[in-house]
Amino acid sequence: MITVAGSLNIDLVTEAERFPLPGETILGTGFSTVFGGKGANQAVAAARLGGQVKMVGKVGNDLYGESYLEYLTNETVDVSNVKPVTHLPTGTASIVVAEQDNQIIVVAGANGDVDGDFIKEEMTGSQKGVLLVQLEIPDEAVEEAMKAAKANGSTVILNPAPFKPLPAEWWELADYITPNEHEAASLKKESNFHEAYREKLIVTRGSEGASFFEKGEEVLVPAPKVTPVDTTGAGDTFNGALAAFLDQGLALRQAVEKAVKAASMSITALGAQSAMPTLQQLEGGGDHAEK
């Protein structure tokens, strides 16, 4: 069982030829509503790769929240531990895409209401397996989730994104920490980082693949050569895939190899969740463009 404790956002994407000036109204060229949030992204990635996934988090008691729960259920993600709240809306990211760039405003909404007490309640009696957490929910919730997972003997994966310095206790609670190379450089400068933690790091390196340390030696897992179309969600695909394959009992090196391949496939199509491959596609039995 894979438990993902994290965020669920609705991305509101507006396309335009240029960004409006303050106080100005312009006509856009396109609009789309997309399911997002690092937590839900990673849950979908793991489920598509054969993982039995339970999502823990909150949405608003609104149309966005209702549609998200229905969508995740269709993606075979267990949403019995995702609670609608009446006093806050579903989290949103308002994204304007123009001039080969973007501007984003994120409103945490219900994600900000995921506190430690909620996590304790929802994770009581959780099955042993893999916990995957990120940093788009409050720190107390992240910590309580890791404590609950360690208590039942689960493997804990912490994806330190969006980046922030990690408390000393989190280094002890996590089995694996999965920064990108920029986040890894920042983590290694922290006072809480010790060389003993080096073998907990699995560093994603974009087109170069990923690296980790095993028995004191650095292992580089190269990425397959692909033609990138959209890199959105590649890191979330990697993390969801890593959780799925570790939960299936693969050794770390094998799990990282498959996660790198899944992340590489995800950038060959548009979107984050929409571009995440299925297990059949990863193993070469289907056309990735179909999903």
C-alpha atoms as a PDB file:
ATOM      1  CA  MET A   1       0.000   0.000   0.000  1.00  0.00           C
ATOM      2  CA  ILE A   2       1.236   3.482  -0.937  1.00  0.00           C
ATOM      3  CA  THR A   3      -0.039   6.375   1.153  1.00  0.00           C
ATOM      4  CA  VAL A   4       0.351   9.855  -0.338  1.00  0.00           C
ATOM      5  CA  ALA A   5      -0.199  12.693   2.131  1.00  0.00           C
ATOM      6  CA  GLY A   6      -0.248  15.963   0.243  1.00  0.00           C
ATOM      7  CA  SER A   7      -1.891  18.645  -1.824  1.00  0.00           C
ATOM      8  CA  LEU A   8      -4.711  18.643  -4.335  1.00  0.00           C
ATOM      9  CA  ASN A   9      -4.995  21.716  -6.571  1.00  0.00           C
ATOM     10  CA  ILE A  10      -7.022  22.730  -9.573  1.00  0.00           C
ATOM     11  CA  ASP A  11      -4.815  24.509 -12.132  1.00  0.00           C
ATOM     12  CA  LEU A  12      -6.607  27.298 -14.009  1.00  0.00           C
ATOM     13  CA  VAL A  13      -4.476  27.886 -17.093  1.00  0.00           C
ATOM     14  CA  THR A  14      -4.986  30.938 -19.301  1.00  0.00           C
ATOM     15  CA  GLU A  15      -2.994  31.397 -22.503  1.00  0.00           C
ATOM     16  CA  ALA A  16      -2.333  34.813 -24.023  1.00  0.00           C
ATOM     17  CA  GLU A  17       0.003  36.451 -26.524  1.00  0.00           C
ATOM     18  CA  ARG A  18       1.426  38.674 -23.790  1.00  0.00           C
ATOM     19  CA  PHE A  19       1.010  39.411 -20.080  1.00  0.00           C
ATOM     20  CA  PRO A  20      -1.443  42.213 -19.219  1.00  0.00           C
ATOM     21  CA  LEU A  21      -0.137  45.364 -17.601  1.00  0.00           C
ATOM     22  CA  PRO A  22      -1.447  46.268 -14.110  1.00  0.00           C
ATOM     23  CA  GLY A  23      -5.094  47.317 -14.471  1.00  0.00           C
ATOM     24  CA  GLU A  24      -5.251  46.219 -18.100  1.00  0.00           C
ATOM     25  CA  THR A  25      -7.704  43.759 -19.651  1.00  0.00           C
ATOM     26  CA  ILE A  26      -6.602  41.768 -22.697  1.00  0.00           C
ATOM     27  CA  LEU A  27      -8.097  38.874 -24.660  1.00  0.00           C
ATOM     28  CA  GLY A  28      -6.701  35.423 -24.040  1.00  0.00           C
ATOM     29  CA  THR A  29      -6.121  32.745 -26.643  1.00  0.00           C
ATOM     30  CA  GLY A  30      -7.015  29.677 -24.622  1.00  0.00           C
ATOM     31  CA  PHE A  31      -8.165  28.356 -21.238  1.00  0.00           C
ATOM     32  CA  SER A  32      -8.054  24.958 -19.529  1.00  0.00           C
ATOM     33  CA  THR A  33      -8.796  23.491 -16.129  1.00  0.00           C
ATOM     34  CA  VAL A  34      -6.274  20.847 -15.068  1.00  0.00           C
ATOM     35  CA  PHE A  35      -6.000  18.580 -12.043  1.00  0.00           C
ATOM     36  CA  GLY A  36      -2.774  19.310 -10.142  1.00  0.00           C
ATOM     37  CA  GLY A  37      -1.052  19.625  -6.777  1.00  0.00           C
ATOM     38  CA  LYS A  38       2.135  17.708  -6.061  1.00  0.00           C
ATOM     39  CA  GLY A  39       0.418  15.224  -3.758  1.00  0.00           C
ATOM     40  CA  ALA A  40      -2.302  14.222  -6.199  1.00  0.00           C
ATOM     41  CA  ASN A  41       0.147  14.266  -9.113  1.00  0.00           C
ATOM     42  CA  GLN A  42       2.337  11.723  -7.353  1.00  0.00           C
ATOM     43  CA  ALA A  43      -0.645   9.605  -6.324  1.00  0.00           C
ATOM     44  CA  VAL A  44      -1.822   9.368  -9.941  1.00  0.00           C
ATOM     45  CA  ALA A  45       1.693   8.515 -11.151  1.00  0.00           C
ATOM     46  CA  ALA A  46       1.949   5.664  -8.641  1.00  0.00           C
ATOM     47  CA  ALA A  47      -1.539   4.334  -9.399  1.00  0.00           C
ATOM     48  CA  ARG A  48      -0.951   4.268 -13.151  1.00  0.00           C
ATOM     49  CA  LEU A  49       2.147   2.169 -12.577  1.00  0.00           C
ATOM     50  CA  GLY A  50       0.266  -0.503 -10.708  1.00  0.00           C
ATOM     51  CA  GLY A  51       0.428   0.888  -7.187  1.00  0.00           C
ATOM     52  CA  GLN A  52      -2.359   0.449  -4.652  1.00  0.00           C
ATOM     53  CA  VAL A  53      -2.636   4.091  -3.598  1.00  0.00           C
ATOM     54  CA  LYS A  54      -4.436   5.892  -0.788  1.00  0.00           C
ATOM     55  CA  MET A  55      -4.572   9.713  -0.879  1.00  0.00           C
ATOM     56  CA  VAL A  56      -4.716  11.697   2.382  1.00  0.00           C
ATOM     57  CA  GLY A  57      -5.631  15.377   2.153  1.00  0.00           C
ATOM     58  CA  LYS A  58      -8.437  17.908   1.874  1.00  0.00           C
ATOM     59  CA  VAL A  59     -10.477  19.598  -0.826  1.00  0.00           C
ATOM     60  CA  GLY A  60     -13.219  22.191  -0.636  1.00  0.00           C
ATOM     61  CA  ASN A  61     -16.865  21.203  -0.491  1.00  0.00           C
ATOM     62  CA  ASP A  62     -17.290  22.687  -3.965  1.00  0.00           C
ATOM     63  CA  LEU A  63     -17.513  21.646  -7.599  1.00  0.00           C
ATOM     64  CA  TYR A  64     -13.718  21.507  -7.949  1.00  0.00           C
ATOM     65  CA  GLY A  65     -13.420  19.231  -4.939  1.00  0.00           C
ATOM     66  CA  GLU A  66     -16.268  17.009  -6.084  1.00  0.00           C
ATOM     67  CA  SER A  67     -14.818  16.636  -9.570  1.00  0.00           C
ATOM     68  CA  TYR A  68     -11.336  15.912  -8.180  1.00  0.00           C
ATOM     69  CA  LEU A  69     -12.598  13.074  -5.979  1.00  0.00           C
ATOM     70  CA  GLU A  70     -14.451  11.551  -8.927  1.00  0.00           C
ATOM     71  CA  TYR A  71     -11.388  11.887 -11.142  1.00  0.00           C
ATOM     72  CA  LEU A  72      -9.033  10.264  -8.616  1.00  0.00           C
ATOM     73  CA  THR A  73     -11.480   7.416  -8.078  1.00  0.00           C
ATOM     74  CA  ASN A  74     -11.432   6.796 -11.832  1.00  0.00           C
ATOM     75  CA  GLU A  75      -7.618   6.731 -11.604  1.00  0.00           C
ATOM     76  CA  THR A  76      -7.987   3.927  -8.995  1.00  0.00           C
ATOM     77  CA  VAL A  77      -6.756   6.144  -6.147  1.00  0.00           C
ATOM     78  CA  ASP A  78      -8.524   5.488  -2.821  1.00  0.00           C
ATOM     79  CA  VAL A  79      -9.991   8.842  -1.705  1.00  0.00           C
ATOM     80  CA  SER A  80     -11.706   7.686   1.484  1.00  0.00           C
ATOM     81  CA  ASN A  81      -9.145   9.743   3.434  1.00  0.00           C
ATOM     82  CA  VAL A  82      -9.624  12.935   1.391  1.00  0.00           C
ATOM     83  CA  LYS A  83     -12.083  15.112   3.292  1.00  0.00           C
ATOM     84  CA  PRO A  84     -14.169  17.973   1.846  1.00  0.00           C
ATOM     85  CA  VAL A  85     -14.231  21.076   4.082  1.00  0.00           C
ATOM     86  CA  THR A  86     -16.934  23.757   4.009  1.00  0.00           C
ATOM     87  CA  HIS A  87     -14.943  26.777   5.223  1.00  0.00           C
ATOM     88  CA  LEU A  88     -12.243  26.774   2.540  1.00  0.00           C
ATOM     89  CA  PRO A  89     -12.210  26.256  -1.241  1.00  0.00           C
ATOM     90  CA  THR A  90     -10.273  23.592  -3.093  1.00  0.00           C
ATOM     91  CA  GLY A  91      -6.684  24.733  -3.614  1.00  0.00           C
ATOM     92  CA  THR A  92      -6.025  26.513  -6.894  1.00  0.00           C
ATOM     93  CA  ALA A  93      -3.139  27.629  -9.047  1.00  0.00           C
ATOM     94  CA  SER A  94      -3.987  30.459 -11.441  1.00  0.00           C
ATOM     95  CA  ILE A  95      -1.500  30.260 -14.296  1.00  0.00           C
ATOM     96  CA  VAL A  96      -1.027  32.725 -17.137  1.00  0.00           C
ATOM     97  CA  VAL A  97       1.101  31.417 -20.012  1.00  0.00           C
ATOM     98  CA  ALA A  98       2.491  34.026 -22.426  1.00  0.00           C
ATOM     99  CA  GLU A  99       5.719  35.111 -24.113  1.00  0.00           C
ATOM    100  CA  GLN A 100       7.259  31.627 -23.551  1.00  0.00           C
ATOM    101  CA  ASP A 101       6.944  32.126 -19.801  1.00  0.00           C
ATOM    102  CA  ASN A 102       4.331  31.935 -17.058  1.00  0.00           C
ATOM    103  CA  GLN A 103       3.008  33.726 -13.998  1.00  0.00           C
ATOM    104  CA  ILE A 104       1.434  31.665 -11.210  1.00  0.00           C
ATOM    105  CA  ILE A 105      -0.614  32.523  -8.124  1.00  0.00           C
ATOM    106  CA  VAL A 106      -1.255  29.586  -5.773  1.00  0.00           C
ATOM    107  CA  VAL A 107      -4.022  29.698  -3.168  1.00  0.00           C
ATOM    108  CA  ALA A 108      -3.599  26.824  -0.693  1.00  0.00           C
ATOM    109  CA  GLY A 109      -7.281  26.711   0.220  1.00  0.00           C
ATOM    110  CA  ALA A 110      -8.188  23.386   1.846  1.00  0.00           C
ATOM    111  CA  ASN A 111      -4.583  22.176   1.607  1.00  0.00           C
ATOM    112  CA  GLY A 112      -3.670  24.663   4.336  1.00  0.00           C
ATOM    113  CA  ASP A 113      -6.197  23.019   6.653  1.00  0.00           C
ATOM    114  CA  VAL A 114      -4.360  19.690   6.661  1.00  0.00           C
ATOM    115  CA  ASP A 115      -3.017  19.748  10.225  1.00  0.00           C
ATOM    116  CA  GLY A 116      -1.336  17.236  12.488  1.00  0.00           C
ATOM    117  CA  ASP A 117      -4.541  16.106  14.198  1.00  0.00           C
ATOM    118  CA  PHE A 118      -6.164  15.376  10.828  1.00  0.00           C
ATOM    119  CA  ILE A 119      -3.177  13.291   9.751  1.00  0.00           C
ATOM    120  CA  LYS A 120      -3.163  11.341  13.024  1.00  0.00           C
ATOM    121  CA  GLU A 121      -6.841  10.539  12.624  1.00  0.00           C
ATOM    122  CA  GLU A 122      -6.671   9.581   8.950  1.00  0.00           C
ATOM    123  CA  MET A 123      -3.493   7.519   9.224  1.00  0.00           C
ATOM    124  CA  THR A 124      -4.393   5.590  12.354  1.00  0.00           C
ATOM    125  CA  GLY A 125      -4.216   1.892  11.513  1.00  0.00           C
ATOM    126  CA  SER A 126      -2.554   2.468   8.136  1.00  0.00           C
ATOM    127  CA  GLN A 127      -1.063  -0.565   6.425  1.00  0.00           C
ATOM    128  CA  LYS A 128       2.682  -1.044   6.257  1.00  0.00           C
ATOM    129  CA  GLY A 129       3.988   0.002   2.859  1.00  0.00           C
ATOM    130  CA  VAL A 130       5.359   3.268   1.480  1.00  0.00           C
ATOM    131  CA  LEU A 131       4.541   6.822   2.540  1.00  0.00           C
ATOM    132  CA  LEU A 132       5.151   9.640   0.061  1.00  0.00           C
ATOM    133  CA  VAL A 133       5.001  13.258   1.258  1.00  0.00           C
ATOM    134  CA  GLN A 134       5.854  16.671  -0.208  1.00  0.00           C
ATOM    135  CA  LEU A 135       5.863  20.215   1.197  1.00  0.00           C
ATOM    136  CA  GLU A 136       2.621  21.741  -0.129  1.00  0.00           C
ATOM    137  CA  ILE A 137       0.783  21.005   3.129  1.00  0.00           C
ATOM    138  CA  PRO A 138       1.664  22.426   6.585  1.00  0.00           C
ATOM    139  CA  ASP A 139       4.878  21.226   8.221  1.00  0.00           C
ATOM    140  CA  GLU A 140       3.075  19.683  11.204  1.00  0.00           C
ATOM    141  CA  ALA A 141       1.101  17.464   8.832  1.00  0.00           C
ATOM    142  CA  VAL A 142       4.258  16.329   7.028  1.00  0.00           C
ATOM    143  CA  GLU A 143       5.914  15.451  10.332  1.00  0.00           C
ATOM    144  CA  GLU A 144       2.921  13.582  11.739  1.00  0.00           C
ATOM    145  CA  ALA A 145       2.581  11.592   8.522  1.00  0.00           C
ATOM    146  CA  MET A 146       6.227  10.531   8.689  1.00  0.00           C
ATOM    147  CA  LYS A 147       5.925   9.611  12.370  1.00  0.00           C
ATOM    148  CA  ALA A 148       2.827   7.501  11.710  1.00  0.00           C
ATOM    149  CA  ALA A 149       4.547   5.726   8.820  1.00  0.00           C
ATOM    150  CA  LYS A 150       7.694   4.983  10.816  1.00  0.00           C
ATOM    151  CA  ALA A 151       5.546   3.628  13.648  1.00  0.00           C
ATOM    152  CA  ASN A 152       3.999   0.994  11.362  1.00  0.00           C
ATOM    153  CA  GLY A 153       7.283   0.096   9.670  1.00  0.00           C
ATOM    154  CA  SER A 154       6.633   1.824   6.343  1.00  0.00           C
ATOM    155  CA  THR A 155       9.299   3.200   4.020  1.00  0.00           C
ATOM    156  CA  VAL A 156       9.171   7.018   4.068  1.00  0.00           C
ATOM    157  CA  ILE A 157       9.927   9.080   0.941  1.00  0.00           C
ATOM    158  CA  LEU A 158      10.116  12.855   1.407  1.00  0.00           C
ATOM    159  CA  ASN A 159      10.087  15.003  -1.719  1.00  0.00           C
ATOM    160  CA  PRO A 160      11.415  18.399  -0.478  1.00  0.00           C
ATOM    161  CA  ALA A 161       9.400  20.560  -2.857  1.00  0.00           C
ATOM    162  CA  PRO A 162       8.606  23.404  -2.859  1.00  0.00           C
ATOM    163  CA  PHE A 163      12.013  23.711  -1.221  1.00  0.00           C
ATOM    164  CA  LYS A 164      12.495  24.739   2.386  1.00  0.00           C
ATOM    165  CA  PRO A 165      15.139  23.859   5.004  1.00  0.00           C
ATOM    166  CA  LEU A 166      14.374  20.533   6.683  1.00  0.00           C
ATOM    167  CA  PRO A 167      14.150  20.141  10.476  1.00  0.00           C
ATOM    168  CA  ALA A 168      16.746  17.789  11.949  1.00  0.00           C
ATOM    169  CA  GLU A 169      14.094  15.244  12.959  1.00  0.00           C
ATOM    170  CA  TRP A 170      12.875  14.906   9.371  1.00  0.00           C
ATOM    171  CA  TRP A 171      16.265  13.624   8.262  1.00  0.00           C
ATOM    172  CA  GLU A 172      15.885  10.807  10.787  1.00  0.00           C
ATOM    173  CA  LEU A 173      12.268  10.036   9.913  1.00  0.00           C
ATOM    174  CA  ALA A 174      12.804   9.822   6.146  1.00  0.00           C
ATOM    175  CA  ASP A 175      14.279   6.738   4.492  1.00  0.00           C
ATOM    176  CA  TYR A 176      14.733   8.571   1.184  1.00  0.00           C
ATOM    177  CA  ILE A 177      14.742  12.270   0.331  1.00  0.00           C
ATOM    178  CA  THR A 178      14.273  13.103  -3.343  1.00  0.00           C
ATOM    179  CA  PRO A 179      15.472  16.612  -4.267  1.00  0.00           C
ATOM    180  CA  ASN A 180      16.354  17.842  -7.719  1.00  0.00           C
ATOM    181  CA  GLU A 181      19.974  18.870  -8.152  1.00  0.00           C
ATOM    182  CA  HIS A 182      19.349  22.499  -7.121  1.00  0.00           C
ATOM    183  CA  GLU A 183      17.430  21.445  -4.013  1.00  0.00           C
ATOM    184  CA  ALA A 184      20.147  18.909  -3.205  1.00  0.00           C
ATOM    185  CA  ALA A 185      22.829  21.607  -3.291  1.00  0.00           C
ATOM    186  CA  SER A 186      20.795  23.706  -0.858  1.00  0.00           C
ATOM    187  CA  LEU A 187      20.126  20.757   1.449  1.00  0.00           C
ATOM    188  CA  LYS A 188      23.819  19.938   1.705  1.00  0.00           C
ATOM    189  CA  LYS A 189      24.518  23.488   2.921  1.00  0.00           C
ATOM    190  CA  GLU A 190      22.113  23.147   5.842  1.00  0.00           C
ATOM    191  CA  SER A 191      23.422  22.767   9.380  1.00  0.00           C
ATOM    192  CA  ASN A 192      21.148  19.736   9.840  1.00  0.00           C
ATOM    193  CA  PHE A 193      22.806  17.833   6.984  1.00  0.00           C
ATOM    194  CA  HIS A 194      25.455  15.250   7.890  1.00  0.00           C
ATOM    195  CA  GLU A 195      27.441  12.990   5.594  1.00  0.00           C
ATOM    196  CA  ALA A 196      25.664  10.055   7.229  1.00  0.00           C
ATOM    197  CA  TYR A 197      22.498  11.228   5.441  1.00  0.00           C
ATOM    198  CA  ARG A 198      24.101  11.112   2.006  1.00  0.00           C
ATOM    199  CA  GLU A 199      22.727   7.642   1.287  1.00  0.00           C
ATOM    200  CA  LYS A 200      19.189   8.874   1.948  1.00  0.00           C
ATOM    201  CA  LEU A 201      19.381  11.267  -1.020  1.00  0.00           C
ATOM    202  CA  ILE A 202      18.053  10.287  -4.438  1.00  0.00           C
ATOM    203  CA  VAL A 203      18.770  13.274  -6.671  1.00  0.00           C
ATOM    204  CA  THR A 204      16.853  13.846  -9.902  1.00  0.00           C
ATOM    205  CA  ARG A 205      19.042  15.410 -12.600  1.00  0.00           C
ATOM    206  CA  GLY A 206      16.721  16.209 -15.483  1.00  0.00           C
ATOM    207  CA  SER A 207      17.944  14.848 -18.811  1.00  0.00           C
ATOM    208  CA  GLU A 208      20.912  13.214 -17.042  1.00  0.00           C
ATOM    209  CA  GLY A 209      18.659  10.897 -15.017  1.00  0.00           C
ATOM    210  CA  ALA A 210      19.103  10.426 -11.269  1.00  0.00           C
ATOM    211  CA  SER A 211      21.826   9.552  -8.785  1.00  0.00           C
ATOM    212  CA  PHE A 212      22.126   8.035  -5.327  1.00  0.00           C
ATOM    213  CA  PHE A 213      24.799   6.573  -3.068  1.00  0.00           C
ATOM    214  CA  GLU A 214      25.025   2.860  -2.385  1.00  0.00           C
ATOM    215  CA  LYS A 215      27.664   1.421  -0.041  1.00  0.00           C
ATOM    216  CA  GLY A 216      29.627   4.656  -0.269  1.00  0.00           C
ATOM    217  CA  GLU A 217      29.688   4.772  -4.069  1.00  0.00           C
ATOM    218  CA  GLU A 218      27.660   7.167  -6.203  1.00  0.00           C
ATOM    219  CA  VAL A 219      25.381   5.451  -8.710  1.00  0.00           C
ATOM    220  CA  LEU A 220      24.213   7.411 -11.761  1.00  0.00           C
ATOM    221  CA  VAL A 221      21.128   6.119 -13.516  1.00  0.00           C
ATOM    222  CA  PRO A 222      21.061   7.713 -16.992  1.00  0.00           C
ATOM    223  CA  ALA A 223      17.822   8.818 -18.594  1.00  0.00           C
ATOM    224  CA  PRO A 224      16.796   7.488 -21.999  1.00  0.00           C
ATOM    225  CA  LYS A 225      17.079   9.989 -24.826  1.00  0.00           C
ATOM    226  CA  VAL A 226      13.694  11.503 -25.638  1.00  0.00           C
ATOM    227  CA  THR A 227      12.363  14.584 -27.405  1.00  0.00           C
ATOM    228  CA  PRO A 228      10.879  16.776 -24.670  1.00  0.00           C
ATOM    229  CA  VAL A 229       7.461  18.315 -25.250  1.00  0.00           C
ATOM    230  CA  ASP A 230       6.495  19.451 -21.735  1.00  0.00           C
ATOM    231  CA  THR A 231       8.574  18.865 -18.584  1.00  0.00           C
ATOM    232  CA  THR A 232       5.712  19.747 -16.219  1.00  0.00           C
ATOM    233  CA  GLY A 233       5.207  16.969 -13.693  1.00  0.00           C
ATOM    234  CA  ALA A 234       8.379  15.006 -14.462  1.00  0.00           C
ATOM    235  CA  GLY A 235       9.557  15.197 -10.856  1.00  0.00           C
ATOM    236  CA  ASP A 236       6.147  14.116  -9.574  1.00  0.00           C
ATOM    237  CA  THR A 237       6.138  11.209 -12.013  1.00  0.00           C
ATOM    238  CA  PHE A 238       9.561  10.131 -10.734  1.00  0.00           C
ATOM    239  CA  ASN A 239       8.443  10.236  -7.099  1.00  0.00           C
ATOM    240  CA  GLY A 240       5.185   8.399  -7.703  1.00  0.00           C
ATOM    241  CA  ALA A 241       6.993   5.773  -9.750  1.00  0.00           C
ATOM    242  CA  LEU A 242       9.707   5.341  -7.120  1.00  0.00           C
ATOM    243  CA  ALA A 243       7.063   4.753  -4.449  1.00  0.00           C
ATOM    244  CA  ALA A 244       5.194   2.281  -6.663  1.00  0.00           C
ATOM    245  CA  PHE A 245       8.230   0.174  -7.508  1.00  0.00           C
ATOM    246  CA  LEU A 246       9.650   0.158  -3.974  1.00  0.00           C
ATOM    247  CA  ASP A 247       6.229  -0.945  -2.733  1.00  0.00           C
ATOM    248  CA  GLN A 248       6.287  -3.743  -5.320  1.00  0.00           C
ATOM    249  CA  GLY A 249       9.497  -5.020  -3.719  1.00  0.00           C
ATOM    250  CA  LEU A 250      12.093  -3.900  -6.267  1.00  0.00           C
ATOM    251  CA  ALA A 251      15.614  -3.150  -5.096  1.00  0.00           C
ATOM    252  CA  LEU A 252      16.495   0.543  -4.938  1.00  0.00           C
ATOM    253  CA  ARG A 253      18.573   0.541  -8.124  1.00  0.00           C
ATOM    254  CA  GLN A 254      15.819  -1.176 -10.127  1.00  0.00           C
ATOM    255  CA  ALA A 255      13.172   1.158  -8.699  1.00  0.00           C
ATOM    256  CA  VAL A 256      15.208   4.242  -9.606  1.00  0.00           C
ATOM    257  CA  GLU A 257      15.859   2.922 -13.117  1.00  0.00           C
ATOM    258  CA  LYS A 258      12.136   2.438 -13.736  1.00  0.00           C
ATOM    259  CA  ALA A 259      11.279   5.793 -12.143  1.00  0.00           C
ATOM    260  CA  VAL A 260      13.764   7.577 -14.414  1.00  0.00           C
ATOM    261  CA  LYS A 261      12.241   5.878 -17.435  1.00  0.00           C
ATOM    262  CA  ALA A 262       8.717   6.848 -16.353  1.00  0.00           C
ATOM    263  CA  ALA A 263       9.739  10.479 -15.796  1.00  0.00           C
ATOM    264  CA  SER A 264      11.406  10.571 -19.219  1.00  0.00           C
ATOM    265  CA  MET A 265       8.262   9.228 -20.871  1.00  0.00           C
ATOM    266  CA  SER A 266       6.136  11.832 -19.097  1.00  0.00           C
ATOM    267  CA  ILE A 267       7.896  14.749 -20.800  1.00  0.00           C
ATOM    268  CA  THR A 268       7.116  13.476 -24.300  1.00  0.00           C
ATOM    269  CA  ALA A 269       3.469  14.582 -24.040  1.00  0.00           C
ATOM    270  CA  LEU A 270       1.634  17.694 -22.835  1.00  0.00           C
ATOM    271  CA  GLY A 271       0.493  18.131 -19.248  1.00  0.00           C
ATOM    272  CA  ALA A 272       1.430  16.732 -15.865  1.00  0.00           C
ATOM    273  CA  GLN A 273      -1.034  14.003 -14.848  1.00  0.00           C
ATOM    274  CA  SER A 274      -2.300  13.583 -18.410  1.00  0.00           C
ATOM    275  CA  ALA A 275       1.216  12.669 -19.596  1.00  0.00           C
ATOM    276  CA  MET A 276       2.033  10.133 -16.886  1.00  0.00           C
ATOM    277  CA  PRO A 277       2.580   6.651 -18.339  1.00  0.00           C
ATOM    278  CA  THR A 278       0.788   3.463 -17.372  1.00  0.00           C
ATOM    279  CA  LEU A 279       2.679   0.305 -16.468  1.00  0.00           C
ATOM    280  CA  GLN A 280       1.799  -1.190 -19.865  1.00  0.00           C
ATOM    281  CA  GLN A 281       3.222   1.852 -21.642  1.00  0.00           C
ATOM    282  CA  LEU A 282       6.352   1.825 -19.492  1.00  0.00           C
ATOM    283  CA  GLU A 283       6.996  -1.787 -20.371  1.00  0.00           C
ATOM    284  CA  GLY A 284       6.557  -1.087 -24.073  1.00  0.00           C
ATOM    285  CA  GLY A 285       3.097  -2.500 -24.592  1.00  0.00           C
ATOM    286  CA  GLY A 286       1.190   0.647 -25.469  1.00  0.00           C
ATOM    287  CA  ASP A 287       1.327   3.996 -27.181  1.00  0.00           C
ATOM    288  CA  HIS A 288       2.097   6.676 -24.608  1.00  0.00           C
ATOM    289  CA  ALA A 289       0.282   9.301 -26.633  1.00  0.00           C
ATOM    290  CA  GLU A 290      -2.985   7.455 -26.074  1.00  0.00           C
ATOM    291  CA  LYS A 291      -3.173   8.140 -22.314  1.00  0.00           C
END
